[in-house]
């Protein structure tokens, strides 16, 4: 009888939108996850325009630019050749590039670690837990 599947280490960072860095406020907008033993690197982003509009009411805030920046993150993680030289880097190099501080308005969190069997499932769970808006059904089911 086979035993439990072996656990593999992974690292992830939360991608945050920081409309006004001087205020230190941020809105979680995505997750980047790498699991080297499984040769897995992926990113998921979600940015609710209504939440962002309420959060970043400054007319000078570049909503389109931030949206374009966020849209590139999953493409870079996937190694999309359309992302230029960065897309041709190794998975580890792309992960480190994605989680390095580069922008004042789109910033990564610190890198966190864990163990998993299925990195794709962990990525979806992290997105749901850390990024997607809570809805009343989640609160009723004790997911706070």
N, C-alpha and C. Protein backbone atom coordinates (compact mmCIF):
# COMPACT_ATOMS: atom_id res chain seq x y z
N UNK A 1 0.85 -1.18 0.00
CA UNK A 1 0.00 0.00 0.00
C UNK A 1 0.89 1.24 0.00
N UNK A 2 0.70 2.13 -0.98
CA UNK A 2 1.55 3.32 -1.05
C UNK A 2 1.26 4.27 0.10
N UNK A 3 2.31 4.94 0.54
CA UNK A 3 2.18 5.92 1.62
C UNK A 3 1.73 7.26 1.07
N UNK A 4 1.70 8.24 1.94
CA UNK A 4 1.29 9.57 1.49
C UNK A 4 2.31 10.14 0.49
N UNK A 5 1.82 10.98 -0.38
CA UNK A 5 2.69 11.61 -1.37
C UNK A 5 3.73 12.47 -0.66
N UNK A 6 4.95 12.48 -1.16
CA UNK A 6 5.99 13.29 -0.52
C UNK A 6 5.69 14.78 -0.66
N UNK A 7 6.06 15.52 0.36
CA UNK A 7 5.86 16.96 0.35
C UNK A 7 7.06 17.64 -0.31
N UNK A 8 6.78 18.66 -1.07
CA UNK A 8 7.82 19.44 -1.75
C UNK A 8 7.81 20.86 -1.21
N UNK A 9 8.99 21.45 -1.03
CA UNK A 9 9.04 22.83 -0.56
C UNK A 9 8.61 23.80 -1.66
N UNK A 10 7.95 24.88 -1.26
CA UNK A 10 7.58 25.93 -2.20
C UNK A 10 7.83 27.28 -1.55
N UNK A 11 7.89 28.30 -2.40
CA UNK A 11 8.02 29.68 -1.95
C UNK A 11 6.95 30.49 -2.68
N UNK A 12 6.45 31.52 -2.00
CA UNK A 12 5.48 32.40 -2.65
C UNK A 12 5.61 33.81 -2.12
N UNK A 13 5.12 34.74 -2.91
CA UNK A 13 5.01 36.14 -2.49
C UNK A 13 3.67 36.66 -2.97
N UNK A 14 3.12 37.57 -2.20
CA UNK A 14 1.88 38.24 -2.56
C UNK A 14 2.25 39.49 -3.35
N UNK A 15 1.55 39.72 -4.45
CA UNK A 15 1.75 40.93 -5.25
C UNK A 15 0.74 41.96 -4.74
N UNK A 16 1.24 43.15 -4.44
CA UNK A 16 0.40 44.18 -3.84
C UNK A 16 0.40 45.45 -4.68
N UNK A 17 -0.76 46.08 -4.74
CA UNK A 17 -0.86 47.40 -5.36
C UNK A 17 -0.78 48.42 -4.22
N UNK A 18 0.12 49.38 -4.39
CA UNK A 18 0.36 50.40 -3.36
C UNK A 18 0.13 51.76 -4.01
N UNK A 19 -1.11 52.25 -3.97
CA UNK A 19 -1.42 53.50 -4.68
C UNK A 19 -0.63 54.71 -4.17
N UNK A 20 -0.43 54.78 -2.86
CA UNK A 20 0.32 55.90 -2.28
C UNK A 20 1.32 55.34 -1.29
N UNK A 21 2.53 55.06 -1.76
CA UNK A 21 3.53 54.41 -0.90
C UNK A 21 3.78 55.15 0.41
N UNK A 22 3.65 56.47 0.39
CA UNK A 22 3.90 57.22 1.62
C UNK A 22 2.89 56.90 2.72
N UNK A 23 1.72 56.36 2.35
CA UNK A 23 0.71 56.00 3.34
C UNK A 23 0.90 54.57 3.85
N UNK A 24 1.65 53.76 3.12
CA UNK A 24 1.89 52.39 3.55
C UNK A 24 0.69 51.47 3.41
N UNK A 25 -0.31 51.87 2.64
CA UNK A 25 -1.50 51.04 2.44
C UNK A 25 -1.34 50.23 1.16
N UNK A 26 -1.88 49.01 1.18
CA UNK A 26 -1.77 48.17 -0.01
C UNK A 26 -3.03 47.34 -0.21
N UNK A 27 -3.19 46.88 -1.43
CA UNK A 27 -4.31 46.02 -1.82
C UNK A 27 -3.70 44.78 -2.45
N UNK A 28 -3.94 43.61 -1.86
CA UNK A 28 -3.39 42.37 -2.42
C UNK A 28 -4.01 42.13 -3.80
N UNK A 29 -3.15 41.83 -4.78
CA UNK A 29 -3.62 41.70 -6.15
C UNK A 29 -3.16 40.43 -6.85
N UNK A 30 -2.35 39.61 -6.20
CA UNK A 30 -1.89 38.40 -6.86
C UNK A 30 -0.95 37.59 -5.99
N UNK A 31 -0.60 36.41 -6.50
CA UNK A 31 0.33 35.51 -5.81
C UNK A 31 1.25 34.90 -6.87
N UNK A 32 2.53 34.84 -6.54
CA UNK A 32 3.53 34.16 -7.38
C UNK A 32 4.06 33.00 -6.56
N UNK A 33 4.07 31.79 -7.12
CA UNK A 33 4.50 30.60 -6.37
C UNK A 33 5.46 29.77 -7.21
N UNK A 34 6.55 29.34 -6.57
CA UNK A 34 7.51 28.43 -7.21
C UNK A 34 7.67 27.20 -6.33
N UNK A 35 7.72 26.05 -6.98
CA UNK A 35 8.01 24.77 -6.32
C UNK A 35 9.07 24.10 -7.20
N UNK A 36 10.32 24.29 -6.83
CA UNK A 36 11.42 23.80 -7.66
C UNK A 36 11.40 22.30 -7.90
N UNK A 37 11.17 21.46 -6.86
CA UNK A 37 11.18 20.01 -7.11
C UNK A 37 10.14 19.57 -8.14
N UNK A 38 9.03 20.30 -8.22
CA UNK A 38 7.97 19.96 -9.18
C UNK A 38 8.13 20.75 -10.49
N UNK A 39 9.17 21.58 -10.57
CA UNK A 39 9.40 22.43 -11.74
C UNK A 39 8.17 23.27 -12.06
N UNK A 40 7.62 23.87 -11.02
CA UNK A 40 6.38 24.64 -11.13
C UNK A 40 6.65 26.09 -10.79
N UNK A 41 6.23 26.97 -11.67
CA UNK A 41 6.22 28.41 -11.40
C UNK A 41 4.97 28.96 -12.05
N UNK A 42 4.16 29.64 -11.27
CA UNK A 42 2.94 30.24 -11.81
C UNK A 42 2.56 31.43 -10.96
N UNK A 43 1.76 32.28 -11.55
CA UNK A 43 1.24 33.45 -10.85
C UNK A 43 -0.21 33.63 -11.23
N UNK A 44 -0.98 34.10 -10.28
CA UNK A 44 -2.38 34.44 -10.53
C UNK A 44 -2.60 35.85 -10.00
N UNK A 45 -3.31 36.65 -10.75
CA UNK A 45 -3.63 38.00 -10.30
C UNK A 45 -5.13 38.23 -10.40
N UNK A 46 -5.61 39.07 -9.52
CA UNK A 46 -7.01 39.48 -9.54
C UNK A 46 -7.07 40.88 -8.94
N UNK A 47 -7.62 41.80 -9.68
CA UNK A 47 -7.77 43.15 -9.17
C UNK A 47 -9.18 43.63 -9.48
N UNK A 48 -9.96 43.80 -8.46
CA UNK A 48 -11.33 44.26 -8.59
C UNK A 48 -11.29 45.77 -8.87
N UNK A 49 -11.73 46.20 -10.06
CA UNK A 49 -11.66 47.62 -10.39
C UNK A 49 -12.41 48.51 -9.40
N UNK A 50 -13.54 48.03 -8.88
CA UNK A 50 -14.31 48.85 -7.93
C UNK A 50 -13.54 49.03 -6.62
N UNK A 51 -12.91 47.95 -6.13
CA UNK A 51 -12.11 48.06 -4.91
C UNK A 51 -10.92 48.98 -5.13
N UNK A 52 -10.28 48.84 -6.29
CA UNK A 52 -9.13 49.69 -6.57
C UNK A 52 -9.56 51.14 -6.69
N UNK A 53 -10.69 51.41 -7.34
CA UNK A 53 -11.16 52.79 -7.48
C UNK A 53 -11.44 53.42 -6.12
N UNK A 54 -12.01 52.64 -5.20
CA UNK A 54 -12.26 53.16 -3.86
C UNK A 54 -10.97 53.35 -3.09
N UNK A 55 -10.04 52.47 -3.31
CA UNK A 55 -8.77 52.48 -2.58
C UNK A 55 -7.81 53.53 -3.14
N UNK A 56 -7.84 53.71 -4.44
CA UNK A 56 -6.92 54.64 -5.11
C UNK A 56 -7.72 55.74 -5.79
N UNK A 57 -8.33 56.59 -5.00
CA UNK A 57 -9.20 57.64 -5.53
C UNK A 57 -8.43 58.80 -6.15
N UNK A 58 -7.13 58.85 -5.97
CA UNK A 58 -6.30 59.92 -6.51
C UNK A 58 -6.39 59.92 -8.04
N UNK A 59 -6.82 61.03 -8.65
CA UNK A 59 -6.95 61.05 -10.11
C UNK A 59 -5.62 60.83 -10.84
N UNK A 60 -4.51 61.06 -10.16
CA UNK A 60 -3.20 60.86 -10.79
C UNK A 60 -2.77 59.39 -10.80
N UNK A 61 -3.49 58.54 -10.09
CA UNK A 61 -3.14 57.12 -10.04
C UNK A 61 -3.33 56.50 -11.42
N UNK A 62 -2.34 55.78 -11.90
CA UNK A 62 -2.35 55.19 -13.24
C UNK A 62 -3.00 53.81 -13.21
N UNK A 63 -4.32 53.77 -13.25
CA UNK A 63 -5.06 52.50 -13.20
C UNK A 63 -4.67 51.59 -14.36
N UNK A 64 -4.60 52.14 -15.57
CA UNK A 64 -4.28 51.31 -16.74
C UNK A 64 -2.86 50.77 -16.66
N UNK A 65 -1.93 51.60 -16.23
CA UNK A 65 -0.54 51.16 -16.11
C UNK A 65 -0.38 50.04 -15.10
N UNK A 66 -1.06 50.17 -13.97
CA UNK A 66 -1.00 49.12 -12.95
C UNK A 66 -1.64 47.85 -13.48
N UNK A 67 -2.78 47.98 -14.16
CA UNK A 67 -3.43 46.80 -14.74
C UNK A 67 -2.54 46.09 -15.75
N UNK A 68 -1.84 46.86 -16.58
CA UNK A 68 -0.92 46.28 -17.56
C UNK A 68 0.24 45.59 -16.87
N UNK A 69 0.77 46.20 -15.82
CA UNK A 69 1.88 45.61 -15.05
C UNK A 69 1.43 44.27 -14.45
N UNK A 70 0.25 44.26 -13.85
CA UNK A 70 -0.26 43.03 -13.23
C UNK A 70 -0.50 41.94 -14.28
N UNK A 71 -0.99 42.32 -15.45
CA UNK A 71 -1.28 41.33 -16.50
C UNK A 71 -0.01 40.64 -16.99
N UNK A 72 1.13 41.30 -16.89
CA UNK A 72 2.40 40.70 -17.33
C UNK A 72 2.91 39.64 -16.36
N UNK A 73 2.56 39.73 -15.11
CA UNK A 73 3.13 38.84 -14.09
C UNK A 73 2.88 37.37 -14.41
N UNK A 74 1.64 36.92 -14.67
CA UNK A 74 1.44 35.50 -15.00
C UNK A 74 2.14 35.09 -16.29
N UNK A 75 2.24 36.01 -17.24
CA UNK A 75 2.92 35.70 -18.51
C UNK A 75 4.42 35.49 -18.29
N UNK A 76 5.02 36.33 -17.46
CA UNK A 76 6.44 36.17 -17.15
C UNK A 76 6.66 34.86 -16.40
N UNK A 77 5.80 34.58 -15.42
CA UNK A 77 5.93 33.33 -14.66
C UNK A 77 5.87 32.12 -15.59
N UNK A 78 5.00 32.19 -16.60
CA UNK A 78 4.83 31.07 -17.54
C UNK A 78 5.95 30.98 -18.57
N UNK A 79 6.82 31.97 -18.62
CA UNK A 79 7.90 31.95 -19.61
C UNK A 79 7.44 32.34 -20.99
N UNK A 80 6.39 33.16 -21.08
CA UNK A 80 5.86 33.61 -22.36
C UNK A 80 6.96 34.36 -23.13
N UNK A 81 7.30 33.90 -24.36
CA UNK A 81 8.35 34.58 -25.12
C UNK A 81 7.99 36.02 -25.46
N UNK A 82 6.71 36.36 -25.45
CA UNK A 82 6.29 37.73 -25.73
C UNK A 82 6.66 38.71 -24.64
N UNK A 83 7.18 38.21 -23.52
CA UNK A 83 7.58 39.11 -22.43
C UNK A 83 9.04 39.53 -22.55
N UNK A 84 9.69 39.13 -23.63
CA UNK A 84 11.07 39.56 -23.87
C UNK A 84 12.09 38.69 -23.17
N UNK A 85 13.27 39.23 -22.93
CA UNK A 85 14.36 38.44 -22.35
C UNK A 85 14.03 37.86 -20.98
N UNK A 86 13.20 38.53 -20.22
CA UNK A 86 12.84 38.03 -18.89
C UNK A 86 12.10 36.70 -19.01
N UNK A 87 11.25 36.57 -20.01
CA UNK A 87 10.51 35.33 -20.22
C UNK A 87 11.38 34.14 -20.59
N UNK A 88 12.62 34.40 -21.00
CA UNK A 88 13.53 33.32 -21.37
C UNK A 88 14.45 32.89 -20.22
N UNK A 89 14.35 33.57 -19.10
CA UNK A 89 15.16 33.18 -17.94
C UNK A 89 14.68 31.84 -17.39
N UNK A 90 15.48 31.21 -16.54
CA UNK A 90 15.05 29.97 -15.89
C UNK A 90 13.89 30.27 -14.93
N UNK A 91 13.19 29.23 -14.51
CA UNK A 91 12.08 29.43 -13.57
C UNK A 91 12.55 30.16 -12.31
N UNK A 92 13.65 29.72 -11.75
CA UNK A 92 14.15 30.33 -10.52
C UNK A 92 14.49 31.80 -10.74
N UNK A 93 15.13 32.10 -11.86
CA UNK A 93 15.48 33.50 -12.16
C UNK A 93 14.22 34.34 -12.37
N UNK A 94 13.22 33.78 -13.06
CA UNK A 94 11.97 34.53 -13.26
C UNK A 94 11.28 34.77 -11.92
N UNK A 95 11.26 33.76 -11.04
CA UNK A 95 10.64 33.95 -9.72
C UNK A 95 11.34 35.08 -8.98
N UNK A 96 12.66 35.04 -8.94
CA UNK A 96 13.39 36.08 -8.21
C UNK A 96 13.19 37.46 -8.84
N UNK A 97 13.08 37.51 -10.16
CA UNK A 97 12.81 38.78 -10.83
C UNK A 97 11.42 39.29 -10.44
N UNK A 98 10.43 38.39 -10.40
CA UNK A 98 9.06 38.80 -10.08
C UNK A 98 8.90 39.25 -8.64
N UNK A 99 9.67 38.69 -7.73
CA UNK A 99 9.50 39.05 -6.31
C UNK A 99 10.51 40.10 -5.84
N UNK A 100 11.31 40.62 -6.76
CA UNK A 100 12.25 41.69 -6.40
C UNK A 100 11.52 43.03 -6.43
N UNK A 101 11.80 43.91 -5.47
CA UNK A 101 11.17 45.24 -5.50
C UNK A 101 11.59 45.99 -6.76
N UNK A 102 10.60 46.46 -7.55
CA UNK A 102 10.90 47.14 -8.81
C UNK A 102 10.07 48.40 -9.00
N UNK A 103 8.94 48.46 -8.40
CA UNK A 103 7.98 49.52 -8.69
C UNK A 103 7.47 50.09 -7.37
N UNK A 104 7.07 51.32 -7.39
CA UNK A 104 6.48 51.86 -6.17
C UNK A 104 5.00 51.51 -6.07
N UNK A 105 4.33 51.29 -7.20
CA UNK A 105 2.89 51.02 -7.15
C UNK A 105 2.53 49.54 -7.16
N UNK A 106 3.40 48.68 -7.67
CA UNK A 106 3.18 47.23 -7.62
C UNK A 106 4.39 46.64 -6.90
N UNK A 107 4.13 46.07 -5.72
CA UNK A 107 5.23 45.60 -4.88
C UNK A 107 4.98 44.17 -4.42
N UNK A 108 6.03 43.36 -4.32
CA UNK A 108 5.87 42.02 -3.74
C UNK A 108 5.98 42.08 -2.22
N UNK A 109 5.35 41.11 -1.58
CA UNK A 109 5.55 40.95 -0.14
C UNK A 109 6.89 40.27 0.08
N UNK A 110 7.20 40.02 1.32
CA UNK A 110 8.33 39.14 1.62
C UNK A 110 8.01 37.76 1.07
N UNK A 111 9.04 36.97 0.82
CA UNK A 111 8.84 35.60 0.33
C UNK A 111 8.56 34.70 1.53
N UNK A 112 7.52 33.88 1.39
CA UNK A 112 7.11 32.93 2.42
C UNK A 112 7.34 31.51 1.90
N UNK A 113 7.43 30.55 2.80
CA UNK A 113 7.71 29.17 2.40
C UNK A 113 6.65 28.22 2.94
N UNK A 114 6.63 27.03 2.39
CA UNK A 114 5.73 25.98 2.85
C UNK A 114 6.08 24.66 2.19
N UNK A 115 5.27 23.66 2.49
CA UNK A 115 5.41 22.33 1.90
C UNK A 115 4.09 21.95 1.26
N UNK A 116 4.16 21.25 0.12
CA UNK A 116 2.92 20.89 -0.56
C UNK A 116 3.10 19.61 -1.37
N UNK A 117 1.97 19.05 -1.76
CA UNK A 117 1.93 17.94 -2.71
C UNK A 117 1.59 18.49 -4.09
N UNK A 118 0.67 19.45 -4.14
CA UNK A 118 0.16 20.00 -5.40
C UNK A 118 0.32 21.52 -5.41
N UNK A 119 1.39 22.03 -6.02
CA UNK A 119 1.60 23.48 -5.99
C UNK A 119 0.51 24.29 -6.69
N UNK A 120 -0.11 23.74 -7.72
CA UNK A 120 -1.19 24.47 -8.40
C UNK A 120 -2.37 24.67 -7.46
N UNK A 121 -2.69 23.64 -6.67
CA UNK A 121 -3.78 23.76 -5.70
C UNK A 121 -3.44 24.76 -4.61
N UNK A 122 -2.18 24.78 -4.19
CA UNK A 122 -1.76 25.74 -3.17
C UNK A 122 -1.87 27.16 -3.71
N UNK A 123 -1.48 27.37 -4.96
CA UNK A 123 -1.59 28.69 -5.57
C UNK A 123 -3.04 29.16 -5.57
N UNK A 124 -3.96 28.29 -5.95
CA UNK A 124 -5.38 28.65 -5.96
C UNK A 124 -5.88 28.96 -4.55
N UNK A 125 -5.44 28.16 -3.56
CA UNK A 125 -5.86 28.40 -2.17
C UNK A 125 -5.32 29.73 -1.67
N UNK A 126 -4.06 30.02 -1.97
CA UNK A 126 -3.48 31.30 -1.55
C UNK A 126 -4.20 32.47 -2.21
N UNK A 127 -4.51 32.34 -3.49
CA UNK A 127 -5.24 33.40 -4.18
C UNK A 127 -6.60 33.63 -3.50
N UNK A 128 -7.31 32.55 -3.22
CA UNK A 128 -8.63 32.67 -2.59
C UNK A 128 -8.53 33.26 -1.19
N UNK A 129 -7.51 32.87 -0.45
CA UNK A 129 -7.37 33.31 0.93
C UNK A 129 -6.83 34.73 1.05
N UNK A 130 -5.87 35.08 0.21
CA UNK A 130 -5.14 36.34 0.40
C UNK A 130 -5.54 37.45 -0.56
N UNK A 131 -6.18 37.11 -1.68
CA UNK A 131 -6.41 38.11 -2.72
C UNK A 131 -7.89 38.32 -3.04
N UNK A 132 -8.60 37.24 -3.32
CA UNK A 132 -9.99 37.39 -3.76
C UNK A 132 -10.84 38.00 -2.65
N UNK A 133 -11.82 38.83 -3.02
CA UNK A 133 -12.66 39.46 -2.00
C UNK A 133 -13.47 38.43 -1.23
N UNK A 134 -13.63 38.69 0.05
CA UNK A 134 -14.49 37.84 0.86
C UNK A 134 -15.93 38.12 0.48
N UNK A 135 -16.74 37.09 0.47
CA UNK A 135 -18.16 37.27 0.20
C UNK A 135 -18.94 36.77 1.41
N UNK A 136 -20.19 37.14 1.49
CA UNK A 136 -21.00 36.79 2.66
C UNK A 136 -21.02 35.29 2.91
N UNK A 137 -21.05 34.48 1.85
CA UNK A 137 -21.07 33.02 2.04
C UNK A 137 -19.81 32.55 2.73
N UNK A 138 -18.66 33.13 2.39
CA UNK A 138 -17.41 32.76 3.06
C UNK A 138 -17.48 33.08 4.54
N UNK A 139 -18.01 34.25 4.87
CA UNK A 139 -18.10 34.65 6.27
C UNK A 139 -19.05 33.75 7.04
N UNK A 140 -20.16 33.36 6.39
CA UNK A 140 -21.13 32.47 7.04
C UNK A 140 -20.55 31.09 7.29
N UNK A 141 -19.62 30.65 6.43
CA UNK A 141 -19.01 29.34 6.58
C UNK A 141 -17.76 29.36 7.45
N UNK A 142 -17.52 30.47 8.12
CA UNK A 142 -16.40 30.54 9.04
C UNK A 142 -15.07 30.83 8.39
N UNK A 143 -15.05 31.20 7.12
CA UNK A 143 -13.78 31.53 6.44
C UNK A 143 -13.51 33.01 6.62
N UNK A 144 -12.88 33.36 7.70
CA UNK A 144 -12.57 34.77 7.97
C UNK A 144 -11.11 35.00 7.87
